[in-house]
Amino acid sequence: MKTILLTAALSMLFALGVNASADGTSAKAQVRTHIFQTNPESVDVYVAKPAGDLVKIVVSSNSGTPLMKVRVKKQKTRYIRFHLNELPAGEYTVNVKQDGQSISEMKVVKN
């Protein structure tokens, strides 16, 4: 229940931030992301962006080998959960990229 409420609250905050500007006019929106690990078995990624912009989310091993990939293009907002339960214990990197450049990154540890 807490996860659902947290997700809903984050969704509303990011959605408002993407479409609003200080003077009340529409401005070119940027991609907003939030990566968090609520338990050692999964990693959650929230992306808010203009529809049509391509964003790639990659979970990589400590050596840099990509293990999981997701592309987000059509949706304005997307919440993705990566389950790490089938991976061995270790350190992993979650990276959100746009146009080949990293816009958000987080190291996560699976016990």
C-alpha atoms as a PDB file:
ATOM      1  CA  MET A   1       0.000   0.000   0.000  1.00  0.00           C
ATOM      2  CA  LYS A   2       2.841   2.397   0.843  1.00  0.00           C
ATOM      3  CA  THR A   3       4.464   1.685  -2.514  1.00  0.00           C
ATOM      4  CA  ILE A   4       1.263   2.493  -4.391  1.00  0.00           C
ATOM      5  CA  LEU A   5       0.824   5.775  -2.524  1.00  0.00           C
ATOM      6  CA  LEU A   6       4.480   6.699  -3.073  1.00  0.00           C
ATOM      7  CA  THR A   7       4.198   5.904  -6.763  1.00  0.00           C
ATOM      8  CA  ALA A   8       1.019   7.961  -7.154  1.00  0.00           C
ATOM      9  CA  ALA A   9       2.543  10.935  -5.332  1.00  0.00           C
ATOM     10  CA  LEU A  10       5.724  10.802  -7.419  1.00  0.00           C
ATOM     11  CA  SER A  11       3.696  10.495 -10.618  1.00  0.00           C
ATOM     12  CA  MET A  12       1.714  13.611  -9.843  1.00  0.00           C
ATOM     13  CA  LEU A  13       4.783  15.633  -8.846  1.00  0.00           C
ATOM     14  CA  PHE A  14       6.762  14.696 -11.930  1.00  0.00           C
ATOM     15  CA  ALA A  15       3.808  15.132 -14.294  1.00  0.00           C
ATOM     16  CA  LEU A  16       3.186  18.644 -12.994  1.00  0.00           C
ATOM     17  CA  GLY A  17       6.867  19.518 -13.206  1.00  0.00           C
ATOM     18  CA  VAL A  18       7.157  18.386 -16.823  1.00  0.00           C
ATOM     19  CA  ASN A  19       4.309  20.552 -18.111  1.00  0.00           C
ATOM     20  CA  ALA A  20       4.664  23.672 -15.952  1.00  0.00           C
ATOM     21  CA  SER A  21       7.040  26.614 -16.189  1.00  0.00           C
ATOM     22  CA  ALA A  22       7.614  29.563 -13.887  1.00  0.00           C
ATOM     23  CA  ASP A  23       5.657  32.049 -15.981  1.00  0.00           C
ATOM     24  CA  GLY A  24       2.743  29.694 -16.676  1.00  0.00           C
ATOM     25  CA  THR A  25       3.569  29.122 -20.345  1.00  0.00           C
ATOM     26  CA  SER A  26       4.524  25.840 -21.955  1.00  0.00           C
ATOM     27  CA  ALA A  27       8.252  25.424 -22.095  1.00  0.00           C
ATOM     28  CA  LYS A  28      10.310  22.712 -23.729  1.00  0.00           C
ATOM     29  CA  ALA A  29      10.176  20.000 -21.106  1.00  0.00           C
ATOM     30  CA  GLN A  30      13.136  17.972 -19.978  1.00  0.00           C
ATOM     31  CA  VAL A  31      13.268  14.369 -18.923  1.00  0.00           C
ATOM     32  CA  ARG A  32      12.855  13.813 -15.189  1.00  0.00           C
ATOM     33  CA  THR A  33      13.803  10.548 -13.565  1.00  0.00           C
ATOM     34  CA  HIS A  34      13.802   8.990 -10.159  1.00  0.00           C
ATOM     35  CA  ILE A  35      15.601   5.718  -9.397  1.00  0.00           C
ATOM     36  CA  PHE A  36      15.037   4.062  -6.035  1.00  0.00           C
ATOM     37  CA  GLN A  37      15.486   0.679  -4.388  1.00  0.00           C
ATOM     38  CA  THR A  38      12.733  -0.135  -1.910  1.00  0.00           C
ATOM     39  CA  ASN A  39      13.995  -3.667  -1.227  1.00  0.00           C
ATOM     40  CA  PRO A  40      17.118  -5.681  -2.142  1.00  0.00           C
ATOM     41  CA  GLU A  41      15.224  -7.720  -4.766  1.00  0.00           C
ATOM     42  CA  SER A  42      14.020  -4.902  -7.049  1.00  0.00           C
ATOM     43  CA  VAL A  43      14.822  -1.445  -8.409  1.00  0.00           C
ATOM     44  CA  ASP A  44      12.159   1.070  -9.432  1.00  0.00           C
ATOM     45  CA  VAL A  45      12.610   3.706 -12.132  1.00  0.00           C
ATOM     46  CA  TYR A  46      10.174   6.538 -12.785  1.00  0.00           C
ATOM     47  CA  VAL A  47      10.501   8.564 -16.011  1.00  0.00           C
ATOM     48  CA  ALA A  48       8.534  11.697 -16.932  1.00  0.00           C
ATOM     49  CA  LYS A  49       9.213  13.159 -20.377  1.00  0.00           C
ATOM     50  CA  PRO A  50       7.588  14.613 -23.476  1.00  0.00           C
ATOM     51  CA  ALA A  51       5.803  11.966 -25.547  1.00  0.00           C
ATOM     52  CA  GLY A  52       7.928  10.849 -28.478  1.00  0.00           C
ATOM     53  CA  ASP A  53      11.311  11.458 -26.837  1.00  0.00           C
ATOM     54  CA  LEU A  54      13.326   8.242 -26.607  1.00  0.00           C
ATOM     55  CA  VAL A  55      14.784   7.263 -23.242  1.00  0.00           C
ATOM     56  CA  LYS A  56      16.654   4.016 -22.580  1.00  0.00           C
ATOM     57  CA  ILE A  57      16.974   2.397 -19.170  1.00  0.00           C
ATOM     58  CA  VAL A  58      19.786  -0.135 -18.754  1.00  0.00           C
ATOM     59  CA  VAL A  59      20.660  -2.339 -15.782  1.00  0.00           C
ATOM     60  CA  SER A  60      24.312  -3.365 -16.052  1.00  0.00           C
ATOM     61  CA  SER A  61      26.655  -5.586 -14.093  1.00  0.00           C
ATOM     62  CA  ASN A  62      29.607  -4.115 -12.213  1.00  0.00           C
ATOM     63  CA  SER A  63      31.805  -4.893 -15.255  1.00  0.00           C
ATOM     64  CA  GLY A  64      29.478  -2.882 -17.553  1.00  0.00           C
ATOM     65  CA  THR A  65      27.683  -5.778 -19.258  1.00  0.00           C
ATOM     66  CA  PRO A  66      24.037  -4.819 -19.989  1.00  0.00           C
ATOM     67  CA  LEU A  67      21.649  -7.291 -18.308  1.00  0.00           C
ATOM     68  CA  MET A  68      18.223  -5.651 -18.749  1.00  0.00           C
ATOM     69  CA  LYS A  69      17.073  -2.918 -21.157  1.00  0.00           C
ATOM     70  CA  VAL A  70      13.837  -0.968 -21.580  1.00  0.00           C
ATOM     71  CA  ARG A  71      13.022   1.706 -24.167  1.00  0.00           C
ATOM     72  CA  VAL A  72      10.448   4.383 -23.334  1.00  0.00           C
ATOM     73  CA  LYS A  73       9.199   6.487 -26.253  1.00  0.00           C
ATOM     74  CA  LYS A  74       5.422   6.777 -26.575  1.00  0.00           C
ATOM     75  CA  GLN A  75       4.455   7.368 -22.950  1.00  0.00           C
ATOM     76  CA  LYS A  76       4.808  10.691 -21.141  1.00  0.00           C
ATOM     77  CA  THR A  77       5.276   8.980 -17.801  1.00  0.00           C
ATOM     78  CA  ARG A  78       6.385   5.455 -17.075  1.00  0.00           C
ATOM     79  CA  TYR A  79       7.049   3.508 -13.900  1.00  0.00           C
ATOM     80  CA  ILE A  80       9.228   0.402 -14.356  1.00  0.00           C
ATOM     81  CA  ARG A  81      10.241  -2.198 -11.785  1.00  0.00           C
ATOM     82  CA  PHE A  82      13.304  -4.333 -12.461  1.00  0.00           C
ATOM     83  CA  HIS A  83      13.303  -7.601 -10.512  1.00  0.00           C
ATOM     84  CA  LEU A  84      16.818  -8.587  -9.467  1.00  0.00           C
ATOM     85  CA  ASN A  85      15.872 -11.879  -7.807  1.00  0.00           C
ATOM     86  CA  GLU A  86      17.308 -14.002 -10.654  1.00  0.00           C
ATOM     87  CA  LEU A  87      20.659 -12.190 -10.617  1.00  0.00           C
ATOM     88  CA  PRO A  88      23.547 -13.222  -8.346  1.00  0.00           C
ATOM     89  CA  ALA A  89      24.432 -11.105  -5.330  1.00  0.00           C
ATOM     90  CA  GLY A  90      26.535  -8.107  -6.255  1.00  0.00           C
ATOM     91  CA  GLU A  91      26.591  -4.491  -7.326  1.00  0.00           C
ATOM     92  CA  TYR A  92      24.685  -3.268 -10.381  1.00  0.00           C
ATOM     93  CA  THR A  93      24.268   0.051 -12.169  1.00  0.00           C
ATOM     94  CA  VAL A  94      20.906   1.454 -13.294  1.00  0.00           C
ATOM     95  CA  ASN A  95      21.421   4.057 -16.017  1.00  0.00           C
ATOM     96  CA  VAL A  96      18.842   6.256 -17.760  1.00  0.00           C
ATOM     97  CA  LYS A  97      20.091   7.538 -21.126  1.00  0.00           C
ATOM     98  CA  GLN A  98      18.809   9.970 -23.720  1.00  0.00           C
ATOM     99  CA  ASP A  99      20.575  10.614 -27.038  1.00  0.00           C
ATOM    100  CA  GLY A 100      23.455   8.380 -25.906  1.00  0.00           C
ATOM    101  CA  GLN A 101      24.159  10.461 -22.796  1.00  0.00           C
ATOM    102  CA  SER A 102      23.525   9.403 -19.224  1.00  0.00           C
ATOM    103  CA  ILE A 103      20.942  11.635 -17.537  1.00  0.00           C
ATOM    104  CA  SER A 104      20.559   9.627 -14.326  1.00  0.00           C
ATOM    105  CA  GLU A 105      22.524   6.786 -12.754  1.00  0.00           C
ATOM    106  CA  MET A 106      22.429   4.825  -9.519  1.00  0.00           C
ATOM    107  CA  LYS A 107      24.471   1.972  -8.089  1.00  0.00           C
ATOM    108  CA  VAL A 108      22.373  -0.718  -6.397  1.00  0.00           C
ATOM    109  CA  VAL A 109      23.436  -3.696  -4.295  1.00  0.00           C
ATOM    110  CA  LYS A 110      21.687  -7.051  -4.299  1.00  0.00           C
ATOM    111  CA  ASN A 111      22.408  -9.237  -1.293  1.00  0.00           C
END
